[in-house]
Amino acid sequence: MIDALRGVIDPELGDNVVELGMVRGTAVDPDGVVTVDIALTIAGCPLRGQLQADVQARVGSLPGVTDVKVRMAEMTGDEKSKVMARARWKIRENAPATSIPVT
């Protein structure tokens, strides 16, 4: 299940929800209903609907899954700091090369 969630990319932060630490937990009931807890950087995230749909599509495609419920909450201050630091690091690591000399 975690591997499926690695395919869910936060469009604003440019990394998958697992590596960003946004997945707080998952649970599967005997009927195949999966519940995924996602922590958003802000409660009113404008892309929350897209994230929810992506989680449902990725997890819902797994064998034996009959339904996917996504519960969303807001990150704590510490969680936000960690996710933003990771996003900044990833951007820096993937920055395109330029011909501008560094002084």
PDB file of N, CA and C in Angstrom:
ATOM      1  N   MET A   1       0.818  -1.191   0.000  1.00  0.00           N
ATOM      2  CA  MET A   1       0.000   0.000   0.000  1.00  0.00           C
ATOM      3  C   MET A   1       0.865   1.259   0.000  1.00  0.00           C
ATOM      4  N   ILE A   2       1.927   1.239   0.799  1.00  0.00           N
ATOM      5  CA  ILE A   2       2.819   2.401   0.842  1.00  0.00           C
ATOM      6  C   ILE A   2       3.432   2.646  -0.531  1.00  0.00           C
ATOM      7  N   ASP A   3       3.764   1.571  -1.251  1.00  0.00           N
ATOM      8  CA  ASP A   3       4.314   1.745  -2.596  1.00  0.00           C
ATOM      9  C   ASP A   3       3.319   2.438  -3.519  1.00  0.00           C
ATOM     10  N   ALA A   4       2.040   2.092  -3.390  1.00  0.00           N
ATOM     11  CA  ALA A   4       1.011   2.752  -4.205  1.00  0.00           C
ATOM     12  C   ALA A   4       0.944   4.234  -3.857  1.00  0.00           C
ATOM     13  N   LEU A   5       1.065   4.558  -2.582  1.00  0.00           N
ATOM     14  CA  LEU A   5       0.993   5.957  -2.147  1.00  0.00           C
ATOM     15  C   LEU A   5       2.214   6.756  -2.592  1.00  0.00           C
ATOM     16  N   ARG A   6       3.327   6.083  -2.881  1.00  0.00           N
ATOM     17  CA  ARG A   6       4.501   6.791  -3.407  1.00  0.00           C
ATOM     18  C   ARG A   6       4.204   7.400  -4.776  1.00  0.00           C
ATOM     19  N   GLY A   7       3.177   6.907  -5.436  1.00  0.00           N
ATOM     20  CA  GLY A   7       2.777   7.458  -6.731  1.00  0.00           C
ATOM     21  C   GLY A   7       1.917   8.704  -6.622  1.00  0.00           C
ATOM     22  N   VAL A   8       1.557   9.084  -5.404  1.00  0.00           N
ATOM     23  CA  VAL A   8       0.751  10.288  -5.189  1.00  0.00           C
ATOM     24  C   VAL A   8       1.714  11.451  -4.935  1.00  0.00           C
ATOM     25  N   ILE A   9       1.739  12.385  -5.863  1.00  0.00           N
ATOM     26  CA  ILE A   9       2.659  13.516  -5.784  1.00  0.00           C
ATOM     27  C   ILE A   9       1.903  14.763  -5.340  1.00  0.00           C
ATOM     28  N   ASP A  10       2.440  15.431  -4.316  1.00  0.00           N
ATOM     29  CA  ASP A  10       1.873  16.721  -3.913  1.00  0.00           C
ATOM     30  C   ASP A  10       2.283  17.716  -4.985  1.00  0.00           C
ATOM     31  N   PRO A  11       1.314  18.288  -5.716  1.00  0.00           N
ATOM     32  CA  PRO A  11       1.646  19.157  -6.841  1.00  0.00           C
ATOM     33  C   PRO A  11       2.371  20.444  -6.434  1.00  0.00           C
ATOM     34  N   GLU A  12       2.157  20.911  -5.231  1.00  0.00           N
ATOM     35  CA  GLU A  12       2.826  22.132  -4.792  1.00  0.00           C
ATOM     36  C   GLU A  12       4.251  21.866  -4.333  1.00  0.00           C
ATOM     37  N   LEU A  13       4.467  20.727  -3.689  1.00  0.00           N
ATOM     38  CA  LEU A  13       5.775  20.438  -3.112  1.00  0.00           C
ATOM     39  C   LEU A  13       6.646  19.568  -4.013  1.00  0.00           C
ATOM     40  N   GLY A  14       6.045  18.948  -5.024  1.00  0.00           N
ATOM     41  CA  GLY A  14       6.803  18.211  -6.021  1.00  0.00           C
ATOM     42  C   GLY A  14       7.442  16.915  -5.563  1.00  0.00           C
ATOM     43  N   ASP A  15       6.882  16.289  -4.549  1.00  0.00           N
ATOM     44  CA  ASP A  15       7.411  15.012  -4.071  1.00  0.00           C
ATOM     45  C   ASP A  15       6.229  14.146  -3.657  1.00  0.00           C
ATOM     46  N   ASN A  16       6.487  12.865  -3.446  1.00  0.00           N
ATOM     47  CA  ASN A  16       5.379  11.982  -3.096  1.00  0.00           C
ATOM     48  C   ASN A  16       5.005  12.119  -1.621  1.00  0.00           C
ATOM     49  N   VAL A  17       3.755  11.815  -1.331  1.00  0.00           N
ATOM     50  CA  VAL A  17       3.206  12.032   0.012  1.00  0.00           C
ATOM     51  C   VAL A  17       3.872  11.161   1.076  1.00  0.00           C
ATOM     52  N   VAL A  18       4.456  10.042   0.675  1.00  0.00           N
ATOM     53  CA  VAL A  18       5.142   9.180   1.641  1.00  0.00           C
ATOM     54  C   VAL A  18       6.452   9.835   2.068  1.00  0.00           C
ATOM     55  N   GLU A  19       7.270  10.211   1.090  1.00  0.00           N
ATOM     56  CA  GLU A  19       8.569  10.817   1.395  1.00  0.00           C
ATOM     57  C   GLU A  19       8.411  12.152   2.119  1.00  0.00           C
ATOM     58  N   LEU A  20       7.319  12.847   1.847  1.00  0.00           N
ATOM     59  CA  LEU A  20       7.070  14.128   2.523  1.00  0.00           C
ATOM     60  C   LEU A  20       6.559  13.946   3.945  1.00  0.00           C
ATOM     61  N   GLY A  21       6.229  12.719   4.319  1.00  0.00           N
ATOM     62  CA  GLY A  21       5.729  12.471   5.666  1.00  0.00           C
ATOM     63  C   GLY A  21       4.272  12.854   5.851  1.00  0.00           C
ATOM     64  N   MET A  22       3.531  12.887   4.758  1.00  0.00           N
ATOM     65  CA  MET A  22       2.131  13.291   4.816  1.00  0.00           C
ATOM     66  C   MET A  22       1.193  12.124   5.147  1.00  0.00           C
ATOM     67  N   VAL A  23       1.675  10.886   5.004  1.00  0.00           N
ATOM     68  CA  VAL A  23       0.850   9.717   5.303  1.00  0.00           C
ATOM     69  C   VAL A  23       1.004   9.410   6.789  1.00  0.00           C
ATOM     70  N   ARG A  24      -0.058   9.607   7.526  1.00  0.00           N
ATOM     71  CA  ARG A  24      -0.016   9.341   8.975  1.00  0.00           C
ATOM     72  C   ARG A  24      -0.353   7.900   9.302  1.00  0.00           C
ATOM     73  N   GLY A  25      -1.071   7.243   8.419  1.00  0.00           N
ATOM     74  CA  GLY A  25      -1.407   5.856   8.671  1.00  0.00           C
ATOM     75  C   GLY A  25      -2.376   5.308   7.653  1.00  0.00           C
ATOM     76  N   THR A  26      -2.465   3.983   7.633  1.00  0.00           N
ATOM     77  CA  THR A  26      -3.413   3.290   6.768  1.00  0.00           C
ATOM     78  C   THR A  26      -4.031   2.148   7.563  1.00  0.00           C
ATOM     79  N   ALA A  27      -5.234   1.782   7.190  1.00  0.00           N
ATOM     80  CA  ALA A  27      -5.918   0.657   7.824  1.00  0.00           C
ATOM     81  C   ALA A  27      -6.779  -0.030   6.773  1.00  0.00           C
ATOM     82  N   VAL A  28      -6.859  -1.349   6.876  1.00  0.00           N
ATOM     83  CA  VAL A  28      -7.678  -2.137   5.955  1.00  0.00           C
ATOM     84  C   VAL A  28      -8.639  -2.971   6.785  1.00  0.00           C
ATOM     85  N   ASP A  29      -9.941  -2.839   6.488  1.00  0.00           N
ATOM     86  CA  ASP A  29     -10.898  -3.670   7.225  1.00  0.00           C
ATOM     87  C   ASP A  29     -11.112  -4.988   6.458  1.00  0.00           C
ATOM     88  N   PRO A  30     -11.734  -5.971   7.081  1.00  0.00           N
ATOM     89  CA  PRO A  30     -11.901  -7.287   6.451  1.00  0.00           C
ATOM     90  C   PRO A  30     -12.671  -7.257   5.131  1.00  0.00           C
ATOM     91  N   ASP A  31     -13.469  -6.222   4.903  1.00  0.00           N
ATOM     92  CA  ASP A  31     -14.235  -6.127   3.665  1.00  0.00           C
ATOM     93  C   ASP A  31     -13.456  -5.467   2.535  1.00  0.00           C
ATOM     94  N   GLY A  32     -12.187  -5.110   2.782  1.00  0.00           N
ATOM     95  CA  GLY A  32     -11.374  -4.486   1.743  1.00  0.00           C
ATOM     96  C   GLY A  32     -11.476  -2.978   1.694  1.00  0.00           C
ATOM     97  N   VAL A  33     -12.098  -2.377   2.698  1.00  0.00           N
ATOM     98  CA  VAL A  33     -12.176  -0.917   2.750  1.00  0.00           C
ATOM     99  C   VAL A  33     -10.895  -0.394   3.389  1.00  0.00           C
ATOM    100  N   VAL A  34     -10.217   0.484   2.668  1.00  0.00           N
ATOM    101  CA  VAL A  34      -8.951   1.042   3.145  1.00  0.00           C
ATOM    102  C   VAL A  34      -9.189   2.477   3.590  1.00  0.00           C
ATOM    103  N   THR A  35      -8.640   2.810   4.751  1.00  0.00           N
ATOM    104  CA  THR A  35      -8.672   4.185   5.244  1.00  0.00           C
ATOM    105  C   THR A  35      -7.239   4.695   5.246  1.00  0.00           C
ATOM    106  N   VAL A  36      -7.037   5.854   4.626  1.00  0.00           N
ATOM    107  CA  VAL A  36      -5.714   6.477   4.559  1.00  0.00           C
ATOM    108  C   VAL A  36      -5.809   7.834   5.242  1.00  0.00           C
ATOM    109  N   ASP A  37      -4.926   8.059   6.213  1.00  0.00           N
ATOM    110  CA  ASP A  37      -4.860   9.343   6.910  1.00  0.00           C
ATOM    111  C   ASP A  37      -3.735  10.171   6.305  1.00  0.00           C
ATOM    112  N   ILE A  38      -4.103  11.348   5.804  1.00  0.00           N
ATOM    113  CA  ILE A  38      -3.153  12.259   5.165  1.00  0.00           C
ATOM    114  C   ILE A  38      -3.107  13.560   5.956  1.00  0.00           C
ATOM    115  N   ALA A  39      -1.893  14.050   6.195  1.00  0.00           N
ATOM    116  CA  ALA A  39      -1.709  15.338   6.874  1.00  0.00           C
ATOM    117  C   ALA A  39      -1.333  16.387   5.831  1.00  0.00           C
ATOM    118  N   LEU A  40      -2.128  17.448   5.768  1.00  0.00           N
ATOM    119  CA  LEU A  40      -1.892  18.543   4.830  1.00  0.00           C
ATOM    120  C   LEU A  40      -1.113  19.656   5.519  1.00  0.00           C
ATOM    121  N   THR A  41      -0.376  20.434   4.728  1.00  0.00           N
ATOM    122  CA  THR A  41       0.377  21.534   5.323  1.00  0.00           C
ATOM    123  C   THR A  41      -0.555  22.600   5.888  1.00  0.00           C
ATOM    124  N   ILE A  42      -1.709  22.790   5.242  1.00  0.00           N
ATOM    125  CA  ILE A  42      -2.733  23.698   5.764  1.00  0.00           C
ATOM    126  C   ILE A  42      -4.101  23.044   5.590  1.00  0.00           C
ATOM    127  N   ALA A  43      -4.978  23.285   6.533  1.00  0.00           N
ATOM    128  CA  ALA A  43      -6.301  22.641   6.510  1.00  0.00           C
ATOM    129  C   ALA A  43      -7.081  22.976   5.240  1.00  0.00           C
ATOM    130  N   GLY A  44      -6.988  24.207   4.780  1.00  0.00           N
ATOM    131  CA  GLY A  44      -7.731  24.631   3.599  1.00  0.00           C
ATOM    132  C   GLY A  44      -6.959  24.480   2.309  1.00  0.00           C
ATOM    133  N   CYS A  45      -6.115  23.470   2.223  1.00  0.00           N
ATOM    134  CA  CYS A  45      -5.273  23.255   1.044  1.00  0.00           C
ATOM    135  C   CYS A  45      -6.130  23.277  -0.227  1.00  0.00           C
ATOM    136  N   PRO A  46      -5.799  24.160  -1.175  1.00  0.00           N
ATOM    137  CA  PRO A  46      -6.605  24.251  -2.394  1.00  0.00           C
ATOM    138  C   PRO A  46      -6.522  23.008  -3.267  1.00  0.00           C
ATOM    139  N   LEU A  47      -5.499  22.181  -3.071  1.00  0.00           N
ATOM    140  CA  LEU A  47      -5.336  20.982  -3.886  1.00  0.00           C
ATOM    141  C   LEU A  47      -5.741  19.710  -3.149  1.00  0.00           C
ATOM    142  N   ARG A  48      -6.463  19.869  -2.054  1.00  0.00           N
ATOM    143  CA  ARG A  48      -6.864  18.715  -1.244  1.00  0.00           C
ATOM    144  C   ARG A  48      -7.722  17.747  -2.058  1.00  0.00           C
ATOM    145  N   GLY A  49      -8.601  18.252  -2.905  1.00  0.00           N
ATOM    146  CA  GLY A  49      -9.444  17.389  -3.734  1.00  0.00           C
ATOM    147  C   GLY A  49      -8.628  16.555  -4.700  1.00  0.00           C
ATOM    148  N   GLN A  50      -7.593  17.154  -5.283  1.00  0.00           N
ATOM    149  CA  GLN A  50      -6.729  16.423  -6.200  1.00  0.00           C
ATOM    150  C   GLN A  50      -5.951  15.334  -5.456  1.00  0.00           C
ATOM    151  N   LEU A  51      -5.435  15.673  -4.280  1.00  0.00           N
ATOM    152  CA  LEU A  51      -4.714  14.672  -3.482  1.00  0.00           C
ATOM    153  C   LEU A  51      -5.630  13.522  -3.099  1.00  0.00           C
ATOM    154  N   GLN A  52      -6.845  13.846  -2.695  1.00  0.00           N
ATOM    155  CA  GLN A  52      -7.813  12.814  -2.309  1.00  0.00           C
ATOM    156  C   GLN A  52      -8.102  11.897  -3.489  1.00  0.00           C
ATOM    157  N   ALA A  53      -8.351  12.480  -4.658  1.00  0.00           N
ATOM    158  CA  ALA A  53      -8.644  11.674  -5.849  1.00  0.00           C
ATOM    159  C   ALA A  53      -7.449  10.797  -6.234  1.00  0.00           C
ATOM    160  N   ASP A  54      -6.238  11.343  -6.124  1.00  0.00           N
ATOM    161  CA  ASP A  54      -5.040  10.560  -6.456  1.00  0.00           C
ATOM    162  C   ASP A  54      -4.856   9.391  -5.492  1.00  0.00           C
ATOM    163  N   VAL A  55      -5.061   9.632  -4.187  1.00  0.00           N
ATOM    164  CA  VAL A  55      -4.958   8.552  -3.197  1.00  0.00           C
ATOM    165  C   VAL A  55      -5.998   7.484  -3.502  1.00  0.00           C
ATOM    166  N   GLN A  56      -7.232   7.894  -3.761  1.00  0.00           N
ATOM    167  CA  GLN A  56      -8.290   6.927  -4.042  1.00  0.00           C
ATOM    168  C   GLN A  56      -7.984   6.112  -5.295  1.00  0.00           C
ATOM    169  N   ALA A  57      -7.462   6.757  -6.325  1.00  0.00           N
ATOM    170  CA  ALA A  57      -7.143   6.048  -7.564  1.00  0.00           C
ATOM    171  C   ALA A  57      -5.999   5.058  -7.369  1.00  0.00           C
ATOM    172  N   ARG A  58      -4.932   5.487  -6.718  1.00  0.00           N
ATOM    173  CA  ARG A  58      -3.760   4.619  -6.533  1.00  0.00           C
ATOM    174  C   ARG A  58      -4.078   3.433  -5.621  1.00  0.00           C
ATOM    175  N   VAL A  59      -4.654   3.714  -4.472  1.00  0.00           N
ATOM    176  CA  VAL A  59      -4.944   2.647  -3.511  1.00  0.00           C
ATOM    177  C   VAL A  59      -6.103   1.795  -4.010  1.00  0.00           C
ATOM    178  N   GLY A  60      -7.092   2.416  -4.643  1.00  0.00           N
ATOM    179  CA  GLY A  60      -8.243   1.685  -5.154  1.00  0.00           C
ATOM    180  C   GLY A  60      -7.902   0.692  -6.244  1.00  0.00           C
ATOM    181  N   SER A  61      -6.749   0.861  -6.890  1.00  0.00           N
ATOM    182  CA  SER A  61      -6.349  -0.063  -7.961  1.00  0.00           C
ATOM    183  C   SER A  61      -5.664  -1.320  -7.420  1.00  0.00           C
ATOM    184  N   LEU A  62      -5.413  -1.357  -6.110  1.00  0.00           N
ATOM    185  CA  LEU A  62      -4.755  -2.525  -5.524  1.00  0.00           C
ATOM    186  C   LEU A  62      -5.725  -3.707  -5.431  1.00  0.00           C
ATOM    187  N   PRO A  63      -5.226  -4.929  -5.598  1.00  0.00           N
ATOM    188  CA  PRO A  63      -6.086  -6.116  -5.509  1.00  0.00           C
ATOM    189  C   PRO A  63      -6.749  -6.220  -4.134  1.00  0.00           C
ATOM    190  N   GLY A  64      -8.030  -6.533  -4.133  1.00  0.00           N
ATOM    191  CA  GLY A  64      -8.760  -6.744  -2.889  1.00  0.00           C
ATOM    192  C   GLY A  64      -9.342  -5.495  -2.260  1.00  0.00           C
ATOM    193  N   VAL A  65      -8.994  -4.325  -2.782  1.00  0.00           N
ATOM    194  CA  VAL A  65      -9.522  -3.072  -2.221  1.00  0.00           C
ATOM    195  C   VAL A  65     -10.906  -2.826  -2.806  1.00  0.00           C
ATOM    196  N   THR A  66     -11.892  -2.668  -1.924  1.00  0.00           N
ATOM    197  CA  THR A  66     -13.272  -2.441  -2.368  1.00  0.00           C
ATOM    198  C   THR A  66     -13.677  -0.975  -2.288  1.00  0.00           C
ATOM    199  N   ASP A  67     -13.011  -0.208  -1.424  1.00  0.00           N
ATOM    200  CA  ASP A  67     -13.324   1.215  -1.269  1.00  0.00           C
ATOM    201  C   ASP A  67     -12.136   1.883  -0.585  1.00  0.00           C
ATOM    202  N   VAL A  68     -11.979   3.179  -0.822  1.00  0.00           N
ATOM    203  CA  VAL A  68     -10.897   3.937  -0.199  1.00  0.00           C
ATOM    204  C   VAL A  68     -11.487   5.170   0.444  1.00  0.00           C
ATOM    205  N   LYS A  69     -11.213   5.320   1.736  1.00  0.00           N
ATOM    206  CA  LYS A  69     -11.637   6.510   2.471  1.00  0.00           C
ATOM    207  C   LYS A  69     -10.382   7.297   2.836  1.00  0.00           C
ATOM    208  N   VAL A  70     -10.417   8.578   2.554  1.00  0.00           N
ATOM    209  CA  VAL A  70      -9.269   9.430   2.843  1.00  0.00           C
ATOM    210  C   VAL A  70      -9.674  10.423   3.922  1.00  0.00           C
ATOM    211  N   ARG A  71      -8.943  10.390   5.029  1.00  0.00           N
ATOM    212  CA  ARG A  71      -9.182  11.353   6.108  1.00  0.00           C
ATOM    213  C   ARG A  71      -8.023  12.340   6.093  1.00  0.00           C
ATOM    214  N   MET A  72      -8.371  13.618   6.087  1.00  0.00           N
ATOM    215  CA  MET A  72      -7.335  14.644   6.022  1.00  0.00           C
ATOM    216  C   MET A  72      -7.337  15.481   7.289  1.00  0.00           C
ATOM    217  N   ALA A  73      -6.138  15.822   7.720  1.00  0.00           N
ATOM    218  CA  ALA A  73      -5.942  16.663   8.896  1.00  0.00           C
ATOM    219  C   ALA A  73      -4.823  17.651   8.579  1.00  0.00           C
ATOM    220  N   GLU A  74      -4.619  18.587   9.468  1.00  0.00           N
ATOM    221  CA  GLU A  74      -3.548  19.576   9.290  1.00  0.00           C
ATOM    222  C   GLU A  74      -2.305  19.138  10.052  1.00  0.00           C
ATOM    223  N   MET A  75      -1.156  19.382   9.454  1.00  0.00           N
ATOM    224  CA  MET A  75       0.117  19.056  10.092  1.00  0.00           C
ATOM    225  C   MET A  75       0.360  19.934  11.310  1.00  0.00           C
ATOM    226  N   THR A  76       1.161  19.415  12.221  1.00  0.00           N
ATOM    227  CA  THR A  76       1.623  20.217  13.350  1.00  0.00           C
ATOM    228  C   THR A  76       2.729  21.152  12.850  1.00  0.00           C
ATOM    229  N   GLY A  77       3.123  22.091  13.671  1.00  0.00           N
ATOM    230  CA  GLY A  77       4.201  23.011  13.304  1.00  0.00           C
ATOM    231  C   GLY A  77       5.492  22.277  12.990  1.00  0.00           C
ATOM    232  N   ASP A  78       5.836  21.267  13.798  1.00  0.00           N
ATOM    233  CA  ASP A  78       7.057  20.491  13.557  1.00  0.00           C
ATOM    234  C   ASP A  78       6.977  19.719  12.242  1.00  0.00           C
ATOM    235  N   GLU A  79       5.825  19.122  11.974  1.00  0.00           N
ATOM    236  CA  GLU A  79       5.649  18.382  10.722  1.00  0.00           C
ATOM    237  C   GLU A  79       5.791  19.315   9.523  1.00  0.00           C
ATOM    238  N   LYS A  80       5.200  20.511   9.611  1.00  0.00           N
ATOM    239  CA  LYS A  80       5.309  21.484   8.517  1.00  0.00           C
ATOM    240  C   LYS A  80       6.761  21.872   8.280  1.00  0.00           C
ATOM    241  N   SER A  81       7.500  22.110   9.359  1.00  0.00           N
ATOM    242  CA  SER A  81       8.910  22.490   9.224  1.00  0.00           C
ATOM    243  C   SER A  81       9.703  21.410   8.494  1.00  0.00           C
ATOM    244  N   LYS A  82       9.463  20.149   8.853  1.00  0.00           N
ATOM    245  CA  LYS A  82      10.182  19.040   8.227  1.00  0.00           C
ATOM    246  C   LYS A  82       9.827  18.906   6.750  1.00  0.00           C
ATOM    247  N   VAL A  83       8.541  18.999   6.436  1.00  0.00           N
ATOM    248  CA  VAL A  83       8.122  18.827   5.044  1.00  0.00           C
ATOM    249  C   VAL A  83       8.628  19.984   4.174  1.00  0.00           C
ATOM    250  N   MET A  84       8.645  21.187   4.699  1.00  0.00           N
ATOM    251  CA  MET A  84       9.134  22.328   3.932  1.00  0.00           C
ATOM    252  C   MET A  84      10.645  22.235   3.730  1.00  0.00           C
ATOM    253  N   ALA A  85      11.372  21.765   4.733  1.00  0.00           N
ATOM    254  CA  ALA A  85      12.817  21.586   4.593  1.00  0.00           C
ATOM    255  C   ALA A  85      13.113  20.545   3.513  1.00  0.00           C
ATOM    256  N   ARG A  86      12.341  19.448   3.502  1.00  0.00           N
ATOM    257  CA  ARG A  86      12.542  18.415   2.482  1.00  0.00           C
ATOM    258  C   ARG A  86      12.218  18.961   1.091  1.00  0.00           C
ATOM    259  N   ALA A  87      11.144  19.723   0.970  1.00  0.00           N
ATOM    260  CA  ALA A  87      10.757  20.284  -0.326  1.00  0.00           C
ATOM    261  C   ALA A  87      11.838  21.242  -0.834  1.00  0.00           C
ATOM    262  N   ARG A  88      12.376  22.078   0.057  1.00  0.00           N
ATOM    263  CA  ARG A  88      13.446  23.004  -0.359  1.00  0.00           C
ATOM    264  C   ARG A  88      14.687  22.235  -0.798  1.00  0.00           C
ATOM    265  N   TRP A  89      15.050  21.174  -0.054  1.00  0.00           N
ATOM    266  CA  TRP A  89      16.205  20.364  -0.408  1.00  0.00           C
ATOM    267  C   TRP A  89      16.005  19.727  -1.779  1.00  0.00           C
ATOM    268  N   LYS A  90      14.826  19.185  -2.014  1.00  0.00           N
ATOM    269  CA  LYS A  90      14.550  18.513  -3.288  1.00  0.00           C
ATOM    270  C   LYS A  90      14.637  19.501  -4.456  1.00  0.00           C
ATOM    271  N   ILE A  91      14.112  20.691  -4.268  1.00  0.00           N
ATOM    272  CA  ILE A  91      14.182  21.714  -5.322  1.00  0.00           C
ATOM    273  C   ILE A  91      15.635  22.061  -5.610  1.00  0.00           C
ATOM    274  N   ARG A  92      16.426  22.230  -4.566  1.00  0.00           N
ATOM    275  CA  ARG A  92      17.844  22.575  -4.718  1.00  0.00           C
ATOM    276  C   ARG A  92      18.585  21.443  -5.441  1.00  0.00           C
ATOM    277  N   GLU A  93      18.292  20.193  -5.086  1.00  0.00           N
ATOM    278  CA  GLU A  93      18.955  19.051  -5.711  1.00  0.00           C
ATOM    279  C   GLU A  93      18.591  18.902  -7.184  1.00  0.00           C
ATOM    280  N   ASN A  94      17.375  19.295  -7.551  1.00  0.00           N
ATOM    281  CA  ASN A  94      16.906  19.128  -8.927  1.00  0.00           C
ATOM    282  C   ASN A  94      16.945  20.419  -9.737  1.00  0.00           C
ATOM    283  N   ALA A  95      17.640  21.412  -9.231  1.00  0.00           N
ATOM    284  CA  ALA A  95      17.710  22.694  -9.946  1.00  0.00           C
ATOM    285  C   ALA A  95      18.473  22.507 -11.258  1.00  0.00           C
ATOM    286  N   PRO A  96      17.995  23.134 -12.322  1.00  0.00           N
ATOM    287  CA  PRO A  96      18.701  23.001 -13.608  1.00  0.00           C
ATOM    288  C   PRO A  96      20.037  23.744 -13.554  1.00  0.00           C
ATOM    289  N   ALA A  97      20.983  23.220 -14.309  1.00  0.00           N
ATOM    290  CA  ALA A  97      22.292  23.877 -14.415  1.00  0.00           C
ATOM    291  C   ALA A  97      22.136  25.170 -15.204  1.00  0.00           C
ATOM    292  N   THR A  98      22.890  26.169 -14.800  1.00  0.00           N
ATOM    293  CA  THR A  98      22.863  27.444 -15.525  1.00  0.00           C
ATOM    294  C   THR A  98      24.283  27.824 -15.905  1.00  0.00           C
ATOM    295  N   SER A  99      24.393  28.746 -16.807  1.00  0.00           N
ATOM    296  CA  SER A  99      25.730  29.213 -17.208  1.00  0.00           C
ATOM    297  C   SER A  99      26.143  30.458 -16.423  1.00  0.00           C
ATOM    298  N   ILE A 100      25.354  30.809 -15.439  1.00  0.00           N
ATOM    299  CA  ILE A 100      25.685  31.976 -14.622  1.00  0.00           C
ATOM    300  C   ILE A 100      26.738  31.550 -13.605  1.00  0.00           C
ATOM    301  N   PRO A 101      27.878  32.225 -13.585  1.00  0.00           N
ATOM    302  CA  PRO A 101      28.931  31.826 -12.646  1.00  0.00           C
ATOM    303  C   PRO A 101      28.526  32.145 -11.210  1.00  0.00           C
ATOM    304  N   VAL A 102      28.911  31.255 -10.313  1.00  0.00           N
ATOM    305  CA  VAL A 102      28.658  31.443  -8.902  1.00  0.00           C
ATOM    306  C   VAL A 102      29.853  32.169  -8.300  1.00  0.00           C
ATOM    307  N   THR A 103      29.568  33.246  -7.568  1.00  0.00           N
ATOM    308  CA  THR A 103      30.679  33.997  -6.963  1.00  0.00           C
ATOM    309  C   THR A 103      30.723  33.820  -5.484  1.00  0.00           C
TER     310      THR A 103
END
